[in-house]
Amino acid sequence: MAVVWSCITDFFTYETTKSVVVKSWTIGIINRVVQLLIITYFVGWVFLHEKAYQSRDTAIESSVMTKVKGFGIYNNKVMDVADYVTPTQGASIFCIITKMITTEKQTQGFCPESEFKYLCKSEKDCKAGKPASNGILTGNCVPLNETLKTCEIQGWCPAEIDTIKTIPMPEVENFTIFIKNSIRFPTFNYTKGNFLTTITQAYIKTCNYDKVNNTYCPIFRVGDVVEHAGQNFTNLANKGGVIGIKIGWMCDLDKSDEKCRPEYTFTRLDAMSQKNAVSPGYNFRFAKYYKMDNGTDYRTLIKAYAIRFDVLVNGNAGKFDMIPTLINMVAAFTSVGVGTVLCDIILLNFLKGAEQYKAKKFEEVSDDPLHDSQSNGLYRSQLSLRNTDLMMKSSDSGAFSIEHYT
């Protein structure tokens, strides 16, 4: 019964804060330094750097249109945009073909496989119905040339030979890319484009983007883009690759509209392919189809090595809002109290005279008159004060003085 009553009395208790002034250089300096660090963090980082007083919108809506201009000469043919750019819609992802391997006048039929891994001596080496590199194996072993035999395939013939060495089109380096980007931050209903108000028609016809003098020119030279991405143009044109053109919109809408401007960065997106000996770079195949006078279909197969450009848009806009401002101010004021917690831990556990600090900080008061009379009218500490005179003689150099009481 006594245990139950003790639990009940312990439950119905109330704790209130007691202020104790500790005149200690050590703990006082620690307290002020911690408070200063917390205030500096919230003012300098949270409010000024991170702009926590703003509501933010990262759900940027964007559209990108692109155009490529330039003429090149490849295999004694003049190449224009329709020949070397794919797809032709002017989307945010497009390819500029740097070199091609063509296999002309292919028709449906039977012919020897062109790859040496299908060399054979008899029909036993060719499994009928098995897919090969350029068609379906028929099971026959047929001559490839005067000395070698390969498995026969059914498909587009003659089979492609893609080991032919070709030289990239050198003019690609001087081609230009025109990028038109429009963005919208739906939270603030704010729209903007990479055509700044200062741009004129005459300026667009003559400018090329560079990071110093023409930071906001929307026309980019291919060679400069590759260089900004930290790549060698010759190697990239020879094997192909993927380059990312990133447009960043970091806008503070509390400032003037002119301050919201695009920032361009460039990177190699398929960097891992450079370290891989299998299928390095970027290439793809496509065909152009024709019809003979007798109605037979034939095609020209093209294996294209290309530089693929991905235009990527990201953004972040902020504007003053009272709600996040109040939330972060409350968080700042609350965090200042962390200094008190830290100082209490040091004061009550690590400084000399910690016991007497505890005795002053924690006291137990009862509303029972009998309990008060038994304690001679004095408030007693939760800790046992075994020797009051001993406490008075504490040698703690940083503690407040505890006066004798009767």
Protein backbone atom coordinates (compact mmCIF):
# COMPACT_ATOMS: atom_id res chain seq x y z
CA MET A 1 0.00 0.00 0.00
CA ALA A 2 2.84 2.33 0.84
CA VAL A 3 4.39 1.70 -2.57
CA VAL A 4 1.10 2.56 -4.35
CA TRP A 5 0.69 5.72 -2.30
CA SER A 6 4.27 6.72 -3.06
CA CYS A 7 3.65 6.30 -6.80
CA ILE A 8 0.50 8.42 -6.55
CA THR A 9 2.25 11.22 -4.69
CA ASP A 10 5.18 11.14 -7.12
CA PHE A 11 2.77 11.40 -10.05
CA PHE A 12 0.95 14.42 -8.70
CA THR A 13 4.00 16.64 -8.45
CA TYR A 14 4.92 19.84 -10.25
CA GLU A 15 8.31 21.09 -11.36
CA THR A 16 9.07 24.78 -11.83
CA THR A 17 12.19 26.53 -12.99
CA LYS A 18 14.54 28.01 -10.45
CA SER A 19 17.04 30.66 -11.51
CA VAL A 20 20.52 30.35 -10.06
CA VAL A 21 23.11 33.01 -10.88
CA VAL A 22 26.54 31.44 -11.22
CA LYS A 23 29.37 33.97 -11.09
CA SER A 24 31.97 31.95 -12.96
CA TRP A 25 34.27 33.18 -15.73
CA THR A 26 34.57 29.70 -17.15
CA ILE A 27 30.90 28.89 -17.51
CA GLY A 28 30.01 32.49 -18.41
CA ILE A 29 32.41 32.58 -21.37
CA ILE A 30 31.22 29.18 -22.60
CA ASN A 31 27.60 30.33 -22.40
CA ARG A 32 28.18 33.55 -24.40
CA VAL A 33 30.36 31.84 -27.01
CA VAL A 34 27.74 29.15 -27.65
CA GLN A 35 24.99 31.77 -27.90
CA LEU A 36 27.11 33.84 -30.30
CA LEU A 37 27.78 30.82 -32.53
CA ILE A 38 24.08 29.92 -32.67
CA ILE A 39 23.05 33.49 -33.50
CA THR A 40 25.79 33.79 -36.14
CA TYR A 41 24.67 30.51 -37.74
CA PHE A 42 21.03 31.57 -38.01
CA VAL A 43 21.75 35.12 -39.17
CA GLY A 44 24.64 34.35 -41.51
CA TRP A 45 23.77 30.93 -42.93
CA VAL A 46 20.04 30.32 -42.44
CA PHE A 47 18.71 33.82 -43.18
CA LEU A 48 21.34 35.50 -45.38
CA HIS A 49 22.82 32.54 -47.30
CA GLU A 50 19.92 30.08 -47.44
CA LYS A 51 17.29 32.86 -47.46
CA ALA A 52 15.05 31.02 -45.01
CA TYR A 53 12.69 33.98 -44.97
CA GLN A 54 11.49 33.01 -48.46
CA SER A 55 9.07 30.39 -49.72
CA ARG A 56 10.64 28.45 -52.58
CA ASP A 57 9.50 26.84 -55.83
CA THR A 58 11.62 24.09 -57.41
CA ALA A 59 8.90 22.69 -59.70
CA ILE A 60 10.16 24.58 -62.72
CA GLU A 61 8.26 24.26 -66.01
CA SER A 62 10.45 24.51 -69.08
CA SER A 63 10.46 24.29 -72.86
CA VAL A 64 13.55 24.06 -75.05
CA MET A 65 13.91 24.63 -78.79
CA THR A 66 17.19 24.15 -80.63
CA LYS A 67 18.66 24.85 -84.06
CA VAL A 68 22.01 23.85 -85.54
CA LYS A 69 23.72 25.76 -88.33
CA GLY A 70 26.78 24.99 -90.45
CA PHE A 71 27.99 23.25 -93.60
CA GLY A 72 30.50 20.41 -93.81
CA ILE A 73 32.11 18.22 -96.44
CA TYR A 74 32.08 14.43 -95.99
CA ASN A 75 32.97 11.85 -98.67
CA ASN A 76 33.15 14.69 -101.21
CA LYS A 77 29.55 15.69 -100.44
CA VAL A 78 28.42 18.97 -98.93
CA MET A 79 26.47 18.20 -95.73
CA ASP A 80 23.81 20.53 -94.34
CA VAL A 81 21.63 20.41 -91.23
CA ALA A 82 19.19 17.93 -92.78
CA ASP A 83 22.06 15.50 -93.41
CA TYR A 84 23.88 15.50 -90.07
CA VAL A 85 21.30 16.44 -87.38
CA THR A 86 18.87 13.90 -85.95
CA PRO A 87 16.08 14.09 -84.92
CA THR A 88 15.05 17.08 -87.00
CA GLN A 89 12.35 18.47 -84.66
CA GLY A 90 14.70 20.82 -82.80
CA ALA A 91 14.06 19.22 -79.41
CA SER A 92 16.11 19.42 -76.22
CA ILE A 93 17.97 16.21 -77.19
CA PHE A 94 19.63 16.05 -80.60
CA CYS A 95 22.64 14.52 -82.31
CA ILE A 96 25.26 16.00 -84.63
CA ILE A 97 26.74 13.24 -86.78
CA THR A 98 30.53 13.46 -87.03
CA LYS A 99 31.29 10.43 -89.25
CA MET A 100 29.40 7.65 -91.03
CA ILE A 101 29.94 4.15 -92.38
CA THR A 102 27.50 3.48 -95.24
CA THR A 103 26.43 0.21 -96.80
CA GLU A 104 24.62 0.98 -100.04
CA LYS A 105 22.03 -0.87 -102.12
CA GLN A 106 21.03 -3.48 -99.59
CA THR A 107 18.17 -5.76 -100.63
CA GLN A 108 16.43 -8.66 -98.92
CA GLY A 109 18.17 -11.94 -99.78
CA PHE A 110 20.90 -14.44 -98.88
CA CYS A 111 24.60 -13.56 -98.44
CA PRO A 112 27.66 -14.46 -96.31
CA GLU A 113 27.96 -12.94 -92.83
CA SER A 114 30.70 -10.26 -92.82
CA GLU A 115 32.06 -10.71 -89.29
CA PHE A 116 35.00 -13.07 -88.77
CA LYS A 117 33.48 -14.69 -85.69
CA TYR A 118 31.15 -16.53 -88.10
CA LEU A 119 33.99 -18.13 -90.08
CA CYS A 120 33.22 -21.76 -90.87
CA LYS A 121 34.59 -24.86 -92.57
CA SER A 122 31.35 -26.80 -92.97
CA GLU A 123 27.62 -26.57 -92.31
CA LYS A 124 28.24 -28.06 -88.85
CA ASP A 125 29.69 -24.70 -87.77
CA CYS A 126 26.49 -22.83 -88.69
CA LYS A 127 23.33 -23.39 -86.66
CA ALA A 128 20.24 -22.70 -88.76
CA GLY A 129 17.74 -20.21 -87.32
CA LYS A 130 20.23 -18.61 -84.93
CA PRO A 131 20.45 -14.77 -85.03
CA ALA A 132 23.75 -13.40 -86.32
CA SER A 133 25.09 -9.85 -86.48
CA ASN A 134 23.38 -8.94 -89.76
CA GLY A 135 20.61 -11.49 -90.18
CA ILE A 136 19.39 -15.05 -89.45
CA LEU A 137 21.71 -18.00 -90.08
CA THR A 138 20.51 -20.41 -92.78
CA GLY A 139 22.82 -23.27 -91.78
CA ASN A 140 24.95 -23.05 -94.94
CA CYS A 141 28.68 -22.35 -95.09
CA VAL A 142 29.43 -20.18 -98.12
CA PRO A 143 32.55 -18.40 -99.50
CA LEU A 144 33.25 -14.90 -98.17
CA ASN A 145 36.21 -14.38 -100.52
CA GLU A 146 38.73 -16.53 -102.37
CA THR A 147 40.21 -17.97 -99.16
CA LEU A 148 37.60 -17.73 -96.39
CA LYS A 149 34.13 -19.09 -95.74
CA THR A 150 31.47 -17.76 -93.37
CA CYS A 151 27.97 -18.77 -92.37
CA GLU A 152 25.23 -17.66 -94.71
CA ILE A 153 22.52 -15.30 -93.48
CA GLN A 154 19.09 -14.25 -94.63
CA GLY A 155 18.49 -10.54 -94.34
CA TRP A 156 19.61 -7.26 -95.89
CA CYS A 157 22.45 -8.01 -98.27
CA PRO A 158 25.32 -7.34 -98.74
CA ALA A 159 26.04 -7.50 -95.00
CA GLU A 160 27.42 -4.41 -93.31
CA ILE A 161 31.17 -4.11 -92.72
CA ASP A 162 31.54 -1.63 -89.87
CA THR A 163 35.28 -1.99 -89.30
CA ILE A 164 36.11 0.49 -92.05
CA LYS A 165 38.14 3.41 -90.68
CA THR A 166 36.75 6.83 -91.52
CA ILE A 167 37.75 10.39 -90.62
CA PRO A 168 35.30 12.67 -88.75
CA MET A 169 33.92 15.73 -90.52
CA PRO A 170 36.26 18.53 -89.36
CA GLU A 171 33.76 21.35 -89.89
CA VAL A 172 31.60 20.10 -87.01
CA GLU A 173 33.80 21.97 -84.54
CA ASN A 174 32.62 25.30 -85.97
CA PHE A 175 28.92 24.45 -86.18
CA THR A 176 26.69 26.58 -83.94
CA ILE A 177 23.81 25.60 -81.67
CA PHE A 178 20.98 28.05 -81.03
CA ILE A 179 19.04 27.40 -77.80
CA LYS A 180 15.74 29.04 -76.95
CA ASN A 181 14.56 28.34 -73.42
CA SER A 182 11.38 29.50 -71.67
CA ILE A 183 10.66 28.75 -68.01
CA ARG A 184 7.86 29.26 -65.49
CA PHE A 185 7.68 28.98 -61.72
CA PRO A 186 4.02 28.02 -61.13
CA THR A 187 3.94 28.91 -57.41
CA PHE A 188 4.66 32.56 -58.20
CA ASN A 189 3.24 32.53 -61.76
CA TYR A 190 6.60 33.89 -62.92
CA THR A 191 7.80 33.41 -66.51
CA LYS A 192 11.15 34.22 -68.09
CA GLY A 193 13.27 33.29 -71.11
CA ASN A 194 16.96 33.17 -71.89
CA PHE A 195 16.44 36.05 -74.32
CA LEU A 196 17.30 38.95 -72.04
CA THR A 197 15.78 42.36 -72.59
CA THR A 198 19.13 43.74 -73.72
CA ILE A 199 19.50 41.23 -76.58
CA THR A 200 18.91 42.55 -80.12
CA GLN A 201 18.64 40.84 -83.49
CA ALA A 202 22.02 42.25 -84.55
CA TYR A 203 23.64 40.90 -81.36
CA ILE A 204 22.29 37.37 -81.91
CA LYS A 205 23.67 37.30 -85.46
CA THR A 206 27.20 38.07 -84.31
CA CYS A 207 27.60 36.69 -80.77
CA ASN A 208 28.96 33.36 -79.59
CA TYR A 209 28.68 32.25 -75.98
CA ASP A 210 31.75 32.56 -73.77
CA LYS A 211 32.08 32.65 -70.01
CA VAL A 212 33.61 36.13 -69.89
CA ASN A 213 32.24 38.53 -72.50
CA ASN A 214 29.04 36.87 -73.78
CA THR A 215 27.67 35.05 -70.74
CA TYR A 216 24.05 35.24 -71.87
CA CYS A 217 24.40 34.74 -75.62
CA PRO A 218 22.06 31.85 -76.69
CA ILE A 219 24.34 30.72 -79.54
CA PHE A 220 27.03 28.12 -78.76
CA ARG A 221 29.92 26.98 -80.92
CA VAL A 222 30.22 23.17 -80.82
CA GLY A 223 33.98 23.27 -80.25
CA ASP A 224 33.56 25.67 -77.32
CA VAL A 225 30.87 23.49 -75.71
CA VAL A 226 33.13 20.44 -75.93
CA GLU A 227 36.01 22.44 -74.46
CA HIS A 228 33.89 23.78 -71.60
CA ALA A 229 32.92 20.17 -70.82
CA GLY A 230 36.62 19.34 -70.47
CA GLN A 231 36.78 17.07 -73.54
CA ASN A 232 39.06 16.71 -76.54
CA PHE A 233 37.10 17.41 -79.71
CA THR A 234 39.08 15.02 -81.96
CA ASN A 235 38.58 12.05 -79.63
CA LEU A 236 34.93 12.89 -79.05
CA ALA A 237 34.19 13.27 -82.78
CA ASN A 238 35.94 10.00 -83.57
CA LYS A 239 34.09 7.80 -81.06
CA GLY A 240 31.02 9.89 -80.27
CA GLY A 241 29.70 10.86 -76.86
CA VAL A 242 27.02 12.65 -74.86
CA ILE A 243 27.42 16.25 -73.73
CA GLY A 244 25.07 17.92 -71.27
CA ILE A 245 24.23 21.63 -71.57
CA LYS A 246 22.74 22.62 -68.22
CA ILE A 247 20.69 25.79 -67.85
CA GLY A 248 20.24 26.85 -64.24
CA TRP A 249 17.66 29.40 -63.13
CA MET A 250 18.40 30.50 -59.54
CA CYS A 251 16.08 33.46 -59.04
CA ASP A 252 15.55 35.75 -56.07
CA LEU A 253 12.16 37.30 -56.89
CA ASP A 254 12.59 39.90 -54.14
CA LYS A 255 15.14 41.55 -56.43
CA SER A 256 14.61 43.15 -59.85
CA ASP A 257 13.54 41.03 -62.83
CA GLU A 258 16.92 41.55 -64.52
CA LYS A 259 18.65 39.65 -61.70
CA CYS A 260 16.89 36.41 -62.75
CA ARG A 261 19.25 35.19 -65.47
CA PRO A 262 20.25 31.75 -66.80
CA GLU A 263 23.59 30.20 -65.94
CA TYR A 264 25.10 27.67 -68.37
CA THR A 265 27.31 24.75 -67.39
CA PHE A 266 28.63 21.87 -69.50
CA THR A 267 29.54 18.29 -68.68
CA ARG A 268 30.22 14.89 -70.25
CA LEU A 269 27.21 12.74 -69.37
CA ASP A 270 28.57 9.38 -70.56
CA ALA A 271 31.91 9.68 -68.77
CA MET A 272 31.83 5.99 -67.79
CA SER A 273 31.91 4.90 -71.44
CA GLN A 274 35.42 6.36 -71.71
CA LYS A 275 36.65 3.80 -69.19
CA ASN A 276 34.90 0.88 -70.89
CA ALA A 277 36.63 -0.93 -73.75
CA VAL A 278 33.31 -2.45 -74.86
CA SER A 279 31.19 -0.09 -76.98
CA PRO A 280 32.93 3.17 -76.11
CA GLY A 281 31.46 6.47 -77.25
CA TYR A 282 28.10 6.91 -78.95
CA ASN A 283 26.84 5.54 -82.28
CA PHE A 284 23.60 4.37 -83.85
CA ARG A 285 22.25 3.03 -87.15
CA PHE A 286 19.51 4.25 -89.45
CA ALA A 287 18.53 3.57 -93.04
CA LYS A 288 17.22 5.44 -96.08
CA TYR A 289 14.77 3.39 -98.15
CA TYR A 290 14.23 3.46 -101.90
CA LYS A 291 12.32 1.51 -104.55
CA MET A 292 13.62 0.18 -107.87
CA ASP A 293 11.76 0.48 -111.15
CA ASN A 294 10.61 -3.13 -110.82
CA GLY A 295 9.15 -2.44 -107.36
CA THR A 296 11.96 -4.06 -105.33
CA ASP A 297 12.80 -2.26 -102.07
CA TYR A 298 16.39 -1.43 -101.27
CA ARG A 299 18.11 0.75 -98.70
CA THR A 300 21.30 2.53 -97.70
CA LEU A 301 22.33 1.55 -94.17
CA ILE A 302 24.25 4.18 -92.21
CA LYS A 303 26.20 3.60 -89.01
CA ALA A 304 26.60 7.07 -87.53
CA TYR A 305 29.04 8.26 -84.89
CA ALA A 306 27.66 11.38 -83.26
CA ILE A 307 27.91 13.88 -80.44
CA ARG A 308 24.60 13.88 -78.63
CA PHE A 309 23.59 17.05 -76.80
CA ASP A 310 21.14 16.95 -73.88
CA VAL A 311 19.84 20.37 -72.83
CA LEU A 312 18.89 20.06 -69.15
CA VAL A 313 16.99 22.78 -67.29
CA ASN A 314 16.75 23.17 -63.51
CA GLY A 315 15.68 26.05 -61.33
CA ASN A 316 14.90 27.38 -57.90
CA ALA A 317 12.96 30.58 -57.17
CA GLY A 318 12.36 32.24 -53.83
CA LYS A 319 10.18 35.09 -52.57
CA PHE A 320 9.59 36.63 -49.14
CA ASP A 321 6.90 34.89 -47.11
CA MET A 322 5.91 35.67 -43.52
CA ILE A 323 5.21 32.03 -42.54
CA PRO A 324 8.74 30.58 -43.12
CA THR A 325 10.18 33.78 -41.64
CA LEU A 326 8.30 33.31 -38.37
CA ILE A 327 9.04 29.58 -38.25
CA ASN A 328 12.78 30.12 -38.62
CA MET A 329 12.81 33.01 -36.14
CA VAL A 330 11.15 30.80 -33.53
CA ALA A 331 13.67 28.06 -34.31
CA ALA A 332 16.50 30.57 -33.85
CA PHE A 333 15.24 31.80 -30.47
CA THR A 334 14.63 28.25 -29.30
CA SER A 335 18.09 27.13 -30.36
CA VAL A 336 19.72 29.80 -28.21
CA GLY A 337 18.55 27.71 -25.26
CA VAL A 338 20.96 24.98 -26.35
CA GLY A 339 23.69 27.03 -24.73
CA THR A 340 21.93 26.75 -21.36
CA VAL A 341 21.68 22.97 -21.68
CA LEU A 342 25.37 22.67 -22.53
CA CYS A 343 26.40 24.94 -19.67
CA ASP A 344 24.23 22.97 -17.21
CA ILE A 345 25.93 19.74 -18.26
CA ILE A 346 29.37 21.26 -17.70
CA LEU A 347 28.36 23.03 -14.49
CA LEU A 348 26.74 20.02 -12.80
CA ASN A 349 29.20 17.35 -13.91
CA PHE A 350 32.66 18.69 -14.74
CA LEU A 351 33.44 21.82 -12.71
CA LYS A 352 34.79 21.76 -9.18
CA GLY A 353 32.02 22.18 -6.64
CA ALA A 354 29.48 20.44 -8.86
CA GLU A 355 27.74 19.02 -5.78
CA GLN A 356 27.05 22.41 -4.27
CA TYR A 357 25.77 23.68 -7.65
CA LYS A 358 23.34 20.78 -7.70
CA ALA A 359 22.29 21.57 -4.16
CA LYS A 360 21.43 25.14 -5.13
CA LYS A 361 19.74 24.21 -8.40
CA PHE A 362 17.40 21.43 -7.20
CA GLU A 363 15.10 21.82 -4.16
CA GLU A 364 12.02 19.94 -3.01
CA VAL A 365 9.01 21.83 -1.60
CA SER A 366 5.94 20.22 -0.07
CA ASP A 367 2.52 21.76 0.62
CA ASP A 368 2.26 19.57 3.74
CA PRO A 369 2.74 21.80 6.85
CA LEU A 370 3.94 18.80 8.87
CA HIS A 371 6.61 18.17 6.25
CA ASP A 372 7.71 21.81 6.40
CA SER A 373 7.87 21.84 10.22
CA GLN A 374 10.00 18.71 10.18
CA SER A 375 12.38 20.49 7.88
CA ASN A 376 12.59 23.47 10.31
CA GLY A 377 10.94 25.74 7.78
CA LEU A 378 13.77 25.42 5.32
CA TYR A 379 13.69 24.22 1.66
CA ARG A 380 15.96 21.22 1.37
CA SER A 381 17.83 20.08 -1.68
CA GLN A 382 16.99 16.79 -3.38
CA LEU A 383 20.60 15.97 -2.75
CA SER A 384 21.68 15.24 0.80
CA LEU A 385 23.55 18.24 2.21
CA ARG A 386 25.71 16.31 4.53
CA ASN A 387 27.91 19.11 5.64
CA THR A 388 26.90 22.72 5.03
CA ASP A 389 30.17 24.10 6.37
CA LEU A 390 32.06 21.85 3.96
CA MET A 391 30.12 23.37 1.05
CA MET A 392 31.07 26.86 2.16
CA LYS A 393 34.73 25.94 1.89
CA SER A 394 34.53 24.78 -1.73
CA SER A 395 37.69 25.66 -3.57
CA ASP A 396 36.01 25.98 -7.01
CA SER A 397 37.70 28.98 -8.60
CA GLY A 398 34.82 29.68 -11.01
CA ALA A 399 31.80 29.12 -8.73
CA PHE A 400 29.50 31.66 -7.16
CA SER A 401 29.95 32.09 -3.41
CA ILE A 402 27.53 30.21 -1.18
CA GLU A 403 26.83 32.12 2.01
CA HIS A 404 26.27 30.45 5.37
CA TYR A 405 22.67 30.20 6.51
CA THR A 406 21.15 29.09 9.84
